[in-house]
Structures are given as structure tokens and as C-alpha cells.
Amino acid sequence: MISTAGRGKGNLPVRGRMSKPVEAYQIKVTLRDSQPPIWRRIQVRSDTTLAKLHRILQRVMGWEDTHLHQFVIQDERYGAPYKNDEGPRKMRDERKHKLGDVVPAEGSEFRYDYDFGDNWQHVLVVEKTFHPRRGFGTPCV
């Protein structure tokens, strides 16, 4: 007997979305316009949501998460959505987007803005990607 589990209409195989293999990203985070330069180098998994990356950046940069923030990636804004955010520049929900889906490769550069009043801008550059070693799950600084 042939199983039809995982098959769609007419018992044809259902094409599922292939998940990309998880990679580790080494990212250099630089606070723009700081003298002397203030920067950190972190390693995170490609399946890290932008919401989690926000929490990681808060910790490594010494911020206290008391202000608004956003990621700017290829002219798209990602952050914590709020009720009255409308129009073509609407904030995309950072909880629904993984790093590897929006920042696909080595050399990719994007921005993390924190505290819109003081305008702390961080430039993030993916320096390299690699296969994570077994047990790699906690971000590294």
C-alpha cells in the first residue's frame, strides 16, 4: 500500500516551502558618528527574528530599551508595529521577519536606529556567514 500522506488533490505530491539551512552570521555593529569609534562584533543565527536581534543589540550596546527603534533594510522599515502606523512607509512587524530572509548574504549592510530623539544610528554589516557548530544557539559577542 502506498501512503498518500503529504499529498494534495489527486494524490500528487504537495510542494512545501523548502526551508533554508540555518547559518551563523558574524555582524559588525558600529554606532555612527561616534568618536572614538564605538563598535561590537556579534555572531547570531540566521533564523533570529529582528525582534530578538533588537534585544541582542540592546544588551551588547549597553542600551536600556526605553526608546523606540527600527531596522532599515533596503528602504523597508521593521520594528514594533503600532496602531496608527499607516501608508506606504508602514512599519513591518519585526517579530515576523528573520534575519536570513531580509539580510541574505555576506557584505549586506543595514541600519538599526534607536531613540528617535537622540537619533542613535547603528550600521550593521554582515562580515561573514558560516555553518554554525553544534550547540550554537546563544548569540556570541
Protein backbone atom coordinates (compact mmCIF):
# COMPACT_ATOMS: atom_id res chain seq x y z
CA MET A 1 0.00 0.00 0.00
CA ILE A 2 1.29 3.44 -0.93
CA SER A 3 0.79 6.22 1.59
CA THR A 4 -0.76 9.45 0.35
CA ALA A 5 0.31 11.46 3.39
CA GLY A 6 1.82 14.73 2.28
CA ARG A 7 -0.07 14.62 -0.99
CA GLY A 8 -2.58 17.08 -2.26
CA LYS A 9 -5.56 16.92 -4.60
CA GLY A 10 -5.39 13.94 -6.91
CA ASN A 11 -2.74 12.32 -4.70
CA LEU A 12 0.02 14.43 -6.27
CA PRO A 13 2.92 15.47 -4.02
CA VAL A 14 2.39 18.81 -2.30
CA ARG A 15 5.20 21.24 -2.85
CA GLY A 16 6.18 22.57 0.51
CA ARG A 17 8.30 25.61 1.05
CA MET A 18 11.86 24.44 1.44
CA SER A 19 13.45 25.97 4.48
CA LYS A 20 16.90 27.44 4.06
CA PRO A 21 19.61 25.88 6.18
CA VAL A 22 20.45 27.86 9.29
CA GLU A 23 23.70 29.76 9.09
CA ALA A 24 25.62 31.84 11.60
CA TYR A 25 26.14 35.50 10.78
CA GLN A 26 29.09 37.49 12.03
CA ILE A 27 27.95 41.11 12.17
CA LYS A 28 29.93 44.23 12.94
CA VAL A 29 27.75 46.84 14.66
CA THR A 30 29.09 50.41 14.56
CA LEU A 31 27.50 53.42 16.24
CA ARG A 32 27.51 56.11 13.55
CA ASP A 33 29.32 59.42 14.22
CA SER A 34 30.97 58.33 17.48
CA GLN A 35 34.48 59.47 18.41
CA PRO A 36 36.30 57.36 19.31
CA PRO A 37 34.52 54.69 17.24
CA ILE A 38 32.14 52.51 19.23
CA TRP A 39 31.54 49.09 17.74
CA ARG A 40 30.80 45.47 18.59
CA ARG A 41 31.18 42.22 16.69
CA ILE A 42 28.44 39.65 17.27
CA GLN A 43 27.51 36.23 15.95
CA VAL A 44 23.85 35.26 15.63
CA ARG A 45 21.85 32.62 13.82
CA SER A 46 20.19 33.44 10.51
CA ASP A 47 16.84 32.28 11.94
CA THR A 48 16.92 35.03 14.59
CA THR A 49 13.91 37.33 14.31
CA LEU A 50 14.53 41.04 14.05
CA ALA A 51 12.69 41.41 17.38
CA LYS A 52 15.25 39.15 19.03
CA LEU A 53 18.10 40.93 17.25
CA HIS A 54 16.78 44.17 18.76
CA ARG A 55 17.05 42.64 22.25
CA ILE A 56 20.57 41.40 21.49
CA LEU A 57 21.66 44.84 20.27
CA GLN A 58 20.21 46.47 23.39
CA ARG A 59 22.35 44.21 25.54
CA VAL A 60 25.62 44.44 23.61
CA MET A 61 25.44 48.21 23.11
CA GLY A 62 24.51 48.90 26.73
CA TRP A 63 21.13 50.46 25.96
CA GLU A 64 18.19 50.03 28.34
CA ASP A 65 15.32 49.55 25.86
CA THR A 66 13.47 52.69 26.95
CA HIS A 67 13.05 54.26 23.49
CA LEU A 68 11.57 53.42 20.10
CA HIS A 69 13.67 51.66 17.49
CA GLN A 70 13.58 50.46 13.90
CA PHE A 71 15.63 48.49 11.41
CA VAL A 72 16.03 49.96 7.93
CA ILE A 73 16.79 47.27 5.38
CA GLN A 74 16.70 48.06 1.65
CA ASP A 75 14.34 51.01 2.19
CA GLU A 76 11.93 48.92 4.29
CA ARG A 77 11.31 49.75 7.96
CA TYR A 78 10.93 46.96 10.52
CA GLY A 79 10.04 47.40 14.17
CA ALA A 80 7.35 47.03 16.78
CA PRO A 81 4.13 47.91 14.93
CA TYR A 82 1.76 50.42 16.43
CA LYS A 83 -1.93 51.04 15.89
CA ASN A 84 -1.84 54.29 13.89
CA ASP A 85 1.01 53.32 11.56
CA GLU A 86 -0.43 53.60 8.04
CA GLY A 87 0.51 54.40 4.48
CA PRO A 88 3.29 53.33 2.14
CA ARG A 89 6.01 53.70 4.80
CA LYS A 90 4.20 51.48 7.30
CA MET A 91 6.45 49.68 9.77
CA ARG A 92 6.77 45.95 9.08
CA ASP A 93 6.43 43.69 12.13
CA GLU A 94 9.93 42.72 13.30
CA ARG A 95 8.55 39.62 15.05
CA LYS A 96 7.58 38.11 11.69
CA HIS A 97 10.89 38.55 9.86
CA LYS A 98 14.05 36.51 10.27
CA LEU A 99 17.49 37.90 9.70
CA GLY A 100 18.36 35.39 6.96
CA ASP A 101 15.22 36.28 5.00
CA VAL A 102 15.80 40.06 4.90
CA VAL A 103 19.61 40.21 5.03
CA PRO A 104 20.60 37.42 2.67
CA ALA A 105 24.38 37.48 2.26
CA GLU A 106 27.86 38.45 3.32
CA GLY A 107 28.53 42.11 2.70
CA SER A 108 24.91 43.08 3.34
CA GLU A 109 24.58 46.35 5.21
CA PHE A 110 21.58 47.63 7.12
CA ARG A 111 20.72 50.10 9.87
CA TYR A 112 19.37 49.91 13.40
CA ASP A 113 18.02 53.20 14.78
CA TYR A 114 17.45 53.63 18.49
CA ASP A 115 15.99 56.61 20.35
CA PHE A 116 14.49 58.77 17.61
CA GLY A 117 15.05 61.90 19.73
CA ASP A 118 18.81 61.42 20.09
CA ASN A 119 18.93 59.53 16.77
CA TRP A 120 21.44 56.80 17.62
CA GLN A 121 22.12 55.14 14.28
CA HIS A 122 23.96 51.84 14.11
CA VAL A 123 25.40 50.47 10.88
CA LEU A 124 25.33 46.66 10.75
CA VAL A 125 27.49 44.80 8.23
CA VAL A 126 27.37 41.05 7.71
CA GLU A 127 31.11 40.33 7.66
CA LYS A 128 30.79 36.61 7.07
CA THR A 129 28.39 33.71 7.18
CA PHE A 130 29.31 30.18 8.18
CA HIS A 131 27.77 26.90 9.22
CA PRO A 132 27.17 27.03 12.96
CA ARG A 133 28.90 24.45 15.06
CA ARG A 134 26.77 22.03 17.03
CA GLY A 135 25.13 23.72 20.01
CA PHE A 136 25.48 27.22 18.52
CA GLY A 137 22.30 28.94 19.63
CA THR A 138 23.25 31.69 22.01
CA PRO A 139 24.47 34.93 20.45
CA CYS A 140 28.22 35.50 20.85
CA VAL A 141 29.99 38.82 21.37
